[in-house]
């Protein structure tokens, strides 16, 4: 299992990456690497205004290739599978006011 460390410096950055439409939540990670669907990752995440890291395990369920429509950045969407730190709840609390925003995210 590969490890990715992510640090979100603002609530807006977190909003752009969060994938609330996935059953257990997930994050979009910008990358130009070719990564297969189903690849498993451990994410070490630092949320805005947090001093501590949270860990979550997930798998790739979304791939946006280089050169996709509408200028959407290339990357992968990782669906949360094991969320012992309950990062989904932490994310949703952090971006509550942005969840109903009309601003498009990296995936929707």
C-alpha atoms as a PDB file:
ATOM      1  CA  UNK A   1       0.000   0.000   0.000  1.00  0.00           C
ATOM      2  CA  UNK A   2       1.401   3.359  -1.006  1.00  0.00           C
ATOM      3  CA  UNK A   3       1.366   6.344   1.342  1.00  0.00           C
ATOM      4  CA  UNK A   4       0.402   9.887   0.331  1.00  0.00           C
ATOM      5  CA  UNK A   5       0.767  12.850   2.662  1.00  0.00           C
ATOM      6  CA  UNK A   6      -1.631  15.756   2.098  1.00  0.00           C
ATOM      7  CA  UNK A   7      -1.836  19.114   3.792  1.00  0.00           C
ATOM      8  CA  UNK A   8      -4.768  21.424   3.142  1.00  0.00           C
ATOM      9  CA  UNK A   9      -3.952  25.018   4.012  1.00  0.00           C
ATOM     10  CA  UNK A  10      -7.427  26.442   3.440  1.00  0.00           C
ATOM     11  CA  UNK A  11     -11.033  25.322   3.681  1.00  0.00           C
ATOM     12  CA  UNK A  12     -11.447  26.171  -0.021  1.00  0.00           C
ATOM     13  CA  UNK A  13      -8.613  23.810  -1.011  1.00  0.00           C
ATOM     14  CA  UNK A  14     -10.247  21.087   1.062  1.00  0.00           C
ATOM     15  CA  UNK A  15     -13.657  21.787  -0.517  1.00  0.00           C
ATOM     16  CA  UNK A  16     -12.186  21.494  -4.018  1.00  0.00           C
ATOM     17  CA  UNK A  17     -10.698  18.082  -3.199  1.00  0.00           C
ATOM     18  CA  UNK A  18     -13.494  16.566  -1.082  1.00  0.00           C
ATOM     19  CA  UNK A  19     -15.786  14.012  -2.726  1.00  0.00           C
ATOM     20  CA  UNK A  20     -19.008  14.006  -0.620  1.00  0.00           C
ATOM     21  CA  UNK A  21     -20.943  11.950  -3.177  1.00  0.00           C
ATOM     22  CA  UNK A  22     -18.922   8.829  -2.309  1.00  0.00           C
ATOM     23  CA  UNK A  23     -20.612   6.609   0.283  1.00  0.00           C
ATOM     24  CA  UNK A  24     -17.824   6.982   2.866  1.00  0.00           C
ATOM     25  CA  UNK A  25     -16.367  10.219   1.510  1.00  0.00           C
ATOM     26  CA  UNK A  26     -13.143  10.646  -0.378  1.00  0.00           C
ATOM     27  CA  UNK A  27     -10.497  13.050  -1.644  1.00  0.00           C
ATOM     28  CA  UNK A  28      -9.323  14.037  -5.099  1.00  0.00           C
ATOM     29  CA  UNK A  29      -5.555  14.217  -5.446  1.00  0.00           C
ATOM     30  CA  UNK A  30      -3.971  16.086  -8.321  1.00  0.00           C
ATOM     31  CA  UNK A  31      -1.388  13.977 -10.142  1.00  0.00           C
ATOM     32  CA  UNK A  32      -0.183  13.360 -13.660  1.00  0.00           C
ATOM     33  CA  UNK A  33       0.935   9.809 -12.800  1.00  0.00           C
ATOM     34  CA  UNK A  34      -1.004   6.950 -14.357  1.00  0.00           C
ATOM     35  CA  UNK A  35      -2.630   5.131 -11.445  1.00  0.00           C
ATOM     36  CA  UNK A  36      -5.035   2.237 -11.912  1.00  0.00           C
ATOM     37  CA  UNK A  37      -8.559   2.050 -10.494  1.00  0.00           C
ATOM     38  CA  UNK A  38      -8.574  -0.048  -7.328  1.00  0.00           C
ATOM     39  CA  UNK A  39      -5.045   0.939  -6.246  1.00  0.00           C
ATOM     40  CA  UNK A  40      -4.949   1.154  -2.445  1.00  0.00           C
ATOM     41  CA  UNK A  41      -3.434   4.068  -0.542  1.00  0.00           C
ATOM     42  CA  UNK A  42      -2.917   5.204   3.020  1.00  0.00           C
ATOM     43  CA  UNK A  43      -3.526   8.946   3.254  1.00  0.00           C
ATOM     44  CA  UNK A  44      -1.936  11.022   5.973  1.00  0.00           C
ATOM     45  CA  UNK A  45      -3.960  14.216   6.019  1.00  0.00           C
ATOM     46  CA  UNK A  46      -3.519  17.544   7.794  1.00  0.00           C
ATOM     47  CA  UNK A  47      -6.692  19.619   7.687  1.00  0.00           C
ATOM     48  CA  UNK A  48      -6.824  23.440   7.798  1.00  0.00           C
ATOM     49  CA  UNK A  49      -6.208  24.805  11.309  1.00  0.00           C
ATOM     50  CA  UNK A  50      -5.259  21.341  12.575  1.00  0.00           C
ATOM     51  CA  UNK A  51      -2.047  20.555  14.385  1.00  0.00           C
ATOM     52  CA  UNK A  52      -2.428  16.794  14.112  1.00  0.00           C
ATOM     53  CA  UNK A  53      -2.418  14.373  11.203  1.00  0.00           C
ATOM     54  CA  UNK A  54      -5.274  12.001  10.501  1.00  0.00           C
ATOM     55  CA  UNK A  55      -4.933   8.702   8.689  1.00  0.00           C
ATOM     56  CA  UNK A  56      -7.395   7.061   6.354  1.00  0.00           C
ATOM     57  CA  UNK A  57      -7.084   4.118   3.994  1.00  0.00           C
ATOM     58  CA  UNK A  58      -8.768   4.131   0.638  1.00  0.00           C
ATOM     59  CA  UNK A  59      -8.754   3.010  -2.952  1.00  0.00           C
ATOM     60  CA  UNK A  60      -8.814   4.765  -6.298  1.00  0.00           C
ATOM     61  CA  UNK A  61     -12.370   4.980  -7.666  1.00  0.00           C
ATOM     62  CA  UNK A  62     -12.023   7.999  -9.974  1.00  0.00           C
ATOM     63  CA  UNK A  63      -9.424   8.939 -12.578  1.00  0.00           C
ATOM     64  CA  UNK A  64      -9.286  12.260 -14.418  1.00  0.00           C
ATOM     65  CA  UNK A  65      -6.749  11.921 -17.230  1.00  0.00           C
ATOM     66  CA  UNK A  66      -4.447  14.637 -18.525  1.00  0.00           C
ATOM     67  CA  UNK A  67      -6.278  16.878 -21.006  1.00  0.00           C
ATOM     68  CA  UNK A  68      -9.797  16.237 -19.722  1.00  0.00           C
ATOM     69  CA  UNK A  69     -12.679  18.552 -20.602  1.00  0.00           C
ATOM     70  CA  UNK A  70     -13.321  21.928 -18.979  1.00  0.00           C
ATOM     71  CA  UNK A  71      -9.727  22.301 -17.801  1.00  0.00           C
ATOM     72  CA  UNK A  72     -10.270  19.947 -14.879  1.00  0.00           C
ATOM     73  CA  UNK A  73      -6.890  18.992 -13.393  1.00  0.00           C
ATOM     74  CA  UNK A  74      -5.578  15.471 -13.856  1.00  0.00           C
ATOM     75  CA  UNK A  75      -5.721  13.285 -10.789  1.00  0.00           C
ATOM     76  CA  UNK A  76      -7.321  10.469  -8.853  1.00  0.00           C
ATOM     77  CA  UNK A  77     -10.251  10.193  -6.474  1.00  0.00           C
ATOM     78  CA  UNK A  78      -9.674   8.015  -3.447  1.00  0.00           C
ATOM     79  CA  UNK A  79     -12.722   6.627  -1.657  1.00  0.00           C
ATOM     80  CA  UNK A  80     -12.317   6.162   2.087  1.00  0.00           C
ATOM     81  CA  UNK A  81     -12.353   2.494   3.108  1.00  0.00           C
ATOM     82  CA  UNK A  82     -10.927   2.492   6.665  1.00  0.00           C
ATOM     83  CA  UNK A  83     -11.449   5.765   8.520  1.00  0.00           C
ATOM     84  CA  UNK A  84     -10.389   5.189  12.155  1.00  0.00           C
ATOM     85  CA  UNK A  85      -9.855   8.922  12.804  1.00  0.00           C
ATOM     86  CA  UNK A  86     -13.299   9.731  11.325  1.00  0.00           C
ATOM     87  CA  UNK A  87     -11.728  12.157   8.886  1.00  0.00           C
ATOM     88  CA  UNK A  88     -14.928  12.362   6.850  1.00  0.00           C
ATOM     89  CA  UNK A  89     -16.716  13.992   9.785  1.00  0.00           C
ATOM     90  CA  UNK A  90     -13.745  16.301  10.416  1.00  0.00           C
ATOM     91  CA  UNK A  91     -13.750  17.399   6.763  1.00  0.00           C
ATOM     92  CA  UNK A  92     -17.493  18.009   6.674  1.00  0.00           C
ATOM     93  CA  UNK A  93     -17.326  20.088   9.855  1.00  0.00           C
ATOM     94  CA  UNK A  94     -14.461  22.116   8.397  1.00  0.00           C
ATOM     95  CA  UNK A  95     -16.213  22.904   5.106  1.00  0.00           C
ATOM     96  CA  UNK A  96     -19.880  22.969   6.191  1.00  0.00           C
ATOM     97  CA  UNK A  97     -20.500  26.440   4.826  1.00  0.00           C
ATOM     98  CA  UNK A  98     -18.933  25.538   1.473  1.00  0.00           C
ATOM     99  CA  UNK A  99     -20.776  22.240   0.856  1.00  0.00           C
ATOM    100  CA  UNK A 100     -23.752  24.014  -0.749  1.00  0.00           C
ATOM    101  CA  UNK A 101     -21.525  26.279  -2.823  1.00  0.00           C
ATOM    102  CA  UNK A 102     -22.151  26.602  -6.551  1.00  0.00           C
ATOM    103  CA  UNK A 103     -18.380  26.689  -7.121  1.00  0.00           C
ATOM    104  CA  UNK A 104     -17.385  23.520  -8.963  1.00  0.00           C
ATOM    105  CA  UNK A 105     -14.923  21.209  -7.266  1.00  0.00           C
ATOM    106  CA  UNK A 106     -12.252  19.151  -9.023  1.00  0.00           C
ATOM    107  CA  UNK A 107     -14.753  16.307  -9.519  1.00  0.00           C
ATOM    108  CA  UNK A 108     -18.201  17.877  -9.878  1.00  0.00           C
END
